[in-house]
Amino acid sequence: QVQLVESGGGLVQAGGSLRLSCAVLGSGKVFGTVTMVWYRQAPGKQRELVAHVSTSGTTRYADFAKCRFTISRDAAKHTIDLQMDSLQPDATAVYYCHSPHAFWDWGQGTQVTVSP
């Protein structure tokens, strides 16, 4: 059974940075065949896409993430990272990783809180 384990969240002041990491455990060769995505869910809001990275390394970002967030993947470690810079309070949310092409359970996410 595949397990998604997100980490790296925390409390940071506006303007600060965080680096999130997601370990995809037990996926075997599947990790190398699927696009991976970071999502986030703020209190009272629907889950939304932040960024995704394809198997070839092509990346795409939500408008709010462009120029401030960077997604990357490590094929050997089966991890994806999200570097977040110039964070603002509206980035406060629980961040999750997942793939739209795999029937995996969601992980617990990692809480990011940005104070003014």
C-alpha atoms as a PDB file:
ATOM      1  CA  GLN A   1       0.000   0.000   0.000  1.00  0.00           C
ATOM      2  CA  VAL A   2       1.369   3.375  -1.000  1.00  0.00           C
ATOM      3  CA  GLN A   3       1.843   5.926   1.748  1.00  0.00           C
ATOM      4  CA  LEU A   4       2.275   9.660   1.199  1.00  0.00           C
ATOM      5  CA  VAL A   5       4.169  11.421   3.959  1.00  0.00           C
ATOM      6  CA  GLU A   6       4.349  15.206   3.877  1.00  0.00           C
ATOM      7  CA  SER A   7       6.720  17.181   6.079  1.00  0.00           C
ATOM      8  CA  GLY A   8       8.428  20.525   6.433  1.00  0.00           C
ATOM      9  CA  GLY A   9       5.530  22.731   7.385  1.00  0.00           C
ATOM     10  CA  GLY A  10       5.544  25.122  10.297  1.00  0.00           C
ATOM     11  CA  LEU A  11       5.026  28.673  11.445  1.00  0.00           C
ATOM     12  CA  VAL A  12       6.808  31.409   9.556  1.00  0.00           C
ATOM     13  CA  GLN A  13       6.538  35.174   9.398  1.00  0.00           C
ATOM     14  CA  ALA A  14       5.387  36.926   6.256  1.00  0.00           C
ATOM     15  CA  GLY A  15       8.234  37.163   3.798  1.00  0.00           C
ATOM     16  CA  GLY A  16       9.816  33.967   5.043  1.00  0.00           C
ATOM     17  CA  SER A  17      10.443  30.643   3.344  1.00  0.00           C
ATOM     18  CA  LEU A  18       9.650  26.997   3.885  1.00  0.00           C
ATOM     19  CA  ARG A  19      10.610  23.847   2.046  1.00  0.00           C
ATOM     20  CA  LEU A  20       8.050  21.069   2.044  1.00  0.00           C
ATOM     21  CA  SER A  21       8.869  17.485   1.244  1.00  0.00           C
ATOM     22  CA  CYS A  22       6.719  14.516   0.308  1.00  0.00           C
ATOM     23  CA  ALA A  23       7.906  10.942   0.499  1.00  0.00           C
ATOM     24  CA  VAL A  24       6.014   8.454  -1.629  1.00  0.00           C
ATOM     25  CA  LEU A  25       6.532   5.133   0.113  1.00  0.00           C
ATOM     26  CA  GLY A  26       5.811   1.749  -1.386  1.00  0.00           C
ATOM     27  CA  SER A  27       5.002   2.927  -4.907  1.00  0.00           C
ATOM     28  CA  GLY A  28       7.756   0.980  -6.603  1.00  0.00           C
ATOM     29  CA  LYS A  29       8.096   1.829 -10.292  1.00  0.00           C
ATOM     30  CA  VAL A  30       4.772   3.665 -10.337  1.00  0.00           C
ATOM     31  CA  PHE A  31       6.346   6.857  -8.968  1.00  0.00           C
ATOM     32  CA  GLY A  32       8.401   7.209 -12.121  1.00  0.00           C
ATOM     33  CA  THR A  33       5.326   7.018 -14.335  1.00  0.00           C
ATOM     34  CA  VAL A  34       3.017   9.602 -12.774  1.00  0.00           C
ATOM     35  CA  THR A  35       2.758  13.356 -12.511  1.00  0.00           C
ATOM     36  CA  MET A  36       3.024  14.526  -8.930  1.00  0.00           C
ATOM     37  CA  VAL A  37       1.109  17.452  -7.516  1.00  0.00           C
ATOM     38  CA  TRP A  38       1.170  19.669  -4.464  1.00  0.00           C
ATOM     39  CA  TYR A  39      -2.257  20.777  -3.283  1.00  0.00           C
ATOM     40  CA  ARG A  40      -3.345  22.929  -0.386  1.00  0.00           C
ATOM     41  CA  GLN A  41      -6.491  23.415   1.608  1.00  0.00           C
ATOM     42  CA  ALA A  42      -7.070  26.539   3.634  1.00  0.00           C
ATOM     43  CA  PRO A  43      -9.637  26.634   6.449  1.00  0.00           C
ATOM     44  CA  GLY A  44     -13.151  26.764   5.051  1.00  0.00           C
ATOM     45  CA  LYS A  45     -11.977  26.455   1.460  1.00  0.00           C
ATOM     46  CA  GLN A  46     -11.746  23.708  -1.112  1.00  0.00           C
ATOM     47  CA  ARG A  47      -8.525  21.936  -1.861  1.00  0.00           C
ATOM     48  CA  GLU A  48      -6.656  23.639  -4.700  1.00  0.00           C
ATOM     49  CA  LEU A  49      -3.705  22.816  -6.900  1.00  0.00           C
ATOM     50  CA  VAL A  50      -0.449  24.590  -6.117  1.00  0.00           C
ATOM     51  CA  ALA A  51       2.005  23.068  -8.585  1.00  0.00           C
ATOM     52  CA  HIS A  52       2.720  19.905 -10.473  1.00  0.00           C
ATOM     53  CA  VAL A  53       5.749  18.195 -11.937  1.00  0.00           C
ATOM     54  CA  SER A  54       5.634  15.630 -14.705  1.00  0.00           C
ATOM     55  CA  THR A  55       7.802  12.566 -15.069  1.00  0.00           C
ATOM     56  CA  SER A  56      10.048  14.522 -17.446  1.00  0.00           C
ATOM     57  CA  GLY A  57      10.412  17.369 -14.978  1.00  0.00           C
ATOM     58  CA  THR A  58       8.036  19.786 -16.657  1.00  0.00           C
ATOM     59  CA  THR A  59       6.469  22.042 -14.056  1.00  0.00           C
ATOM     60  CA  ARG A  60       3.336  24.151 -13.906  1.00  0.00           C
ATOM     61  CA  TYR A  61       2.109  26.474 -11.194  1.00  0.00           C
ATOM     62  CA  ALA A  62      -1.071  28.094 -10.021  1.00  0.00           C
ATOM     63  CA  ASP A  63      -0.984  31.822 -10.637  1.00  0.00           C
ATOM     64  CA  PHE A  64      -0.461  32.561  -6.951  1.00  0.00           C
ATOM     65  CA  ALA A  65       2.576  30.268  -6.878  1.00  0.00           C
ATOM     66  CA  LYS A  66       4.398  31.538  -9.947  1.00  0.00           C
ATOM     67  CA  CYS A  67       7.806  33.107  -9.288  1.00  0.00           C
ATOM     68  CA  ARG A  68       7.634  32.315  -5.564  1.00  0.00           C
ATOM     69  CA  PHE A  69       7.225  28.520  -5.351  1.00  0.00           C
ATOM     70  CA  THR A  70       9.402  25.839  -6.940  1.00  0.00           C
ATOM     71  CA  ILE A  71       8.410  22.196  -7.258  1.00  0.00           C
ATOM     72  CA  SER A  72      10.925  19.432  -7.852  1.00  0.00           C
ATOM     73  CA  ARG A  73      11.084  15.641  -7.780  1.00  0.00           C
ATOM     74  CA  ASP A  74      13.773  13.119  -7.021  1.00  0.00           C
ATOM     75  CA  ALA A  75      13.283   9.937  -9.015  1.00  0.00           C
ATOM     76  CA  ALA A  76      15.757   7.969  -6.949  1.00  0.00           C
ATOM     77  CA  LYS A  77      14.358   8.941  -3.554  1.00  0.00           C
ATOM     78  CA  HIS A  78      10.697   8.972  -4.633  1.00  0.00           C
ATOM     79  CA  THR A  79      10.206  12.404  -3.161  1.00  0.00           C
ATOM     80  CA  ILE A  80       8.818  15.712  -4.313  1.00  0.00           C
ATOM     81  CA  ASP A  81       9.672  19.036  -2.742  1.00  0.00           C
ATOM     82  CA  LEU A  82       8.059  22.443  -2.726  1.00  0.00           C
ATOM     83  CA  GLN A  83      10.260  25.433  -2.026  1.00  0.00           C
ATOM     84  CA  MET A  84       8.109  28.370  -0.975  1.00  0.00           C
ATOM     85  CA  ASP A  85       9.569  31.862  -0.779  1.00  0.00           C
ATOM     86  CA  SER A  86       8.136  35.264   0.051  1.00  0.00           C
ATOM     87  CA  LEU A  87       5.294  33.627   1.920  1.00  0.00           C
ATOM     88  CA  GLN A  88       2.238  35.683   2.798  1.00  0.00           C
ATOM     89  CA  PRO A  89      -0.583  34.973   5.283  1.00  0.00           C
ATOM     90  CA  ASP A  90      -2.857  33.786   2.469  1.00  0.00           C
ATOM     91  CA  ALA A  91      -0.549  30.792   2.046  1.00  0.00           C
ATOM     92  CA  THR A  92      -1.734  29.436   5.392  1.00  0.00           C
ATOM     93  CA  ALA A  93      -3.147  25.984   4.682  1.00  0.00           C
ATOM     94  CA  VAL A  94      -2.541  22.284   4.959  1.00  0.00           C
ATOM     95  CA  TYR A  95      -0.369  21.146   2.058  1.00  0.00           C
ATOM     96  CA  TYR A  96      -0.713  17.718   0.492  1.00  0.00           C
ATOM     97  CA  CYS A  97       1.031  15.804  -2.252  1.00  0.00           C
ATOM     98  CA  HIS A  98      -0.703  13.353  -4.537  1.00  0.00           C
ATOM     99  CA  SER A  99      -0.932  12.187  -8.123  1.00  0.00           C
ATOM    100  CA  PRO A 100      -3.995  12.612 -10.332  1.00  0.00           C
ATOM    101  CA  HIS A 101      -2.983   9.400 -12.085  1.00  0.00           C
ATOM    102  CA  ALA A 102      -2.816   7.080  -9.099  1.00  0.00           C
ATOM    103  CA  PHE A 103      -5.429   5.646  -6.776  1.00  0.00           C
ATOM    104  CA  TRP A 104      -3.582   6.396  -3.574  1.00  0.00           C
ATOM    105  CA  ASP A 105      -4.911   7.375  -0.184  1.00  0.00           C
ATOM    106  CA  TRP A 106      -4.219  10.951   0.826  1.00  0.00           C
ATOM    107  CA  GLY A 107      -1.577  11.635   3.426  1.00  0.00           C
ATOM    108  CA  GLN A 108      -2.109  13.725   6.519  1.00  0.00           C
ATOM    109  CA  GLY A 109      -0.601  16.803   4.963  1.00  0.00           C
ATOM    110  CA  THR A 110       1.679  19.348   6.558  1.00  0.00           C
ATOM    111  CA  GLN A 111       0.429  22.548   8.145  1.00  0.00           C
ATOM    112  CA  VAL A 112       1.843  25.846   6.929  1.00  0.00           C
ATOM    113  CA  THR A 113       1.014  28.936   8.941  1.00  0.00           C
ATOM    114  CA  VAL A 114       2.209  32.370   7.879  1.00  0.00           C
ATOM    115  CA  SER A 115       1.874  35.155  10.412  1.00  0.00           C
ATOM    116  CA  PRO A 116       1.574  38.829   9.391  1.00  0.00           C
END
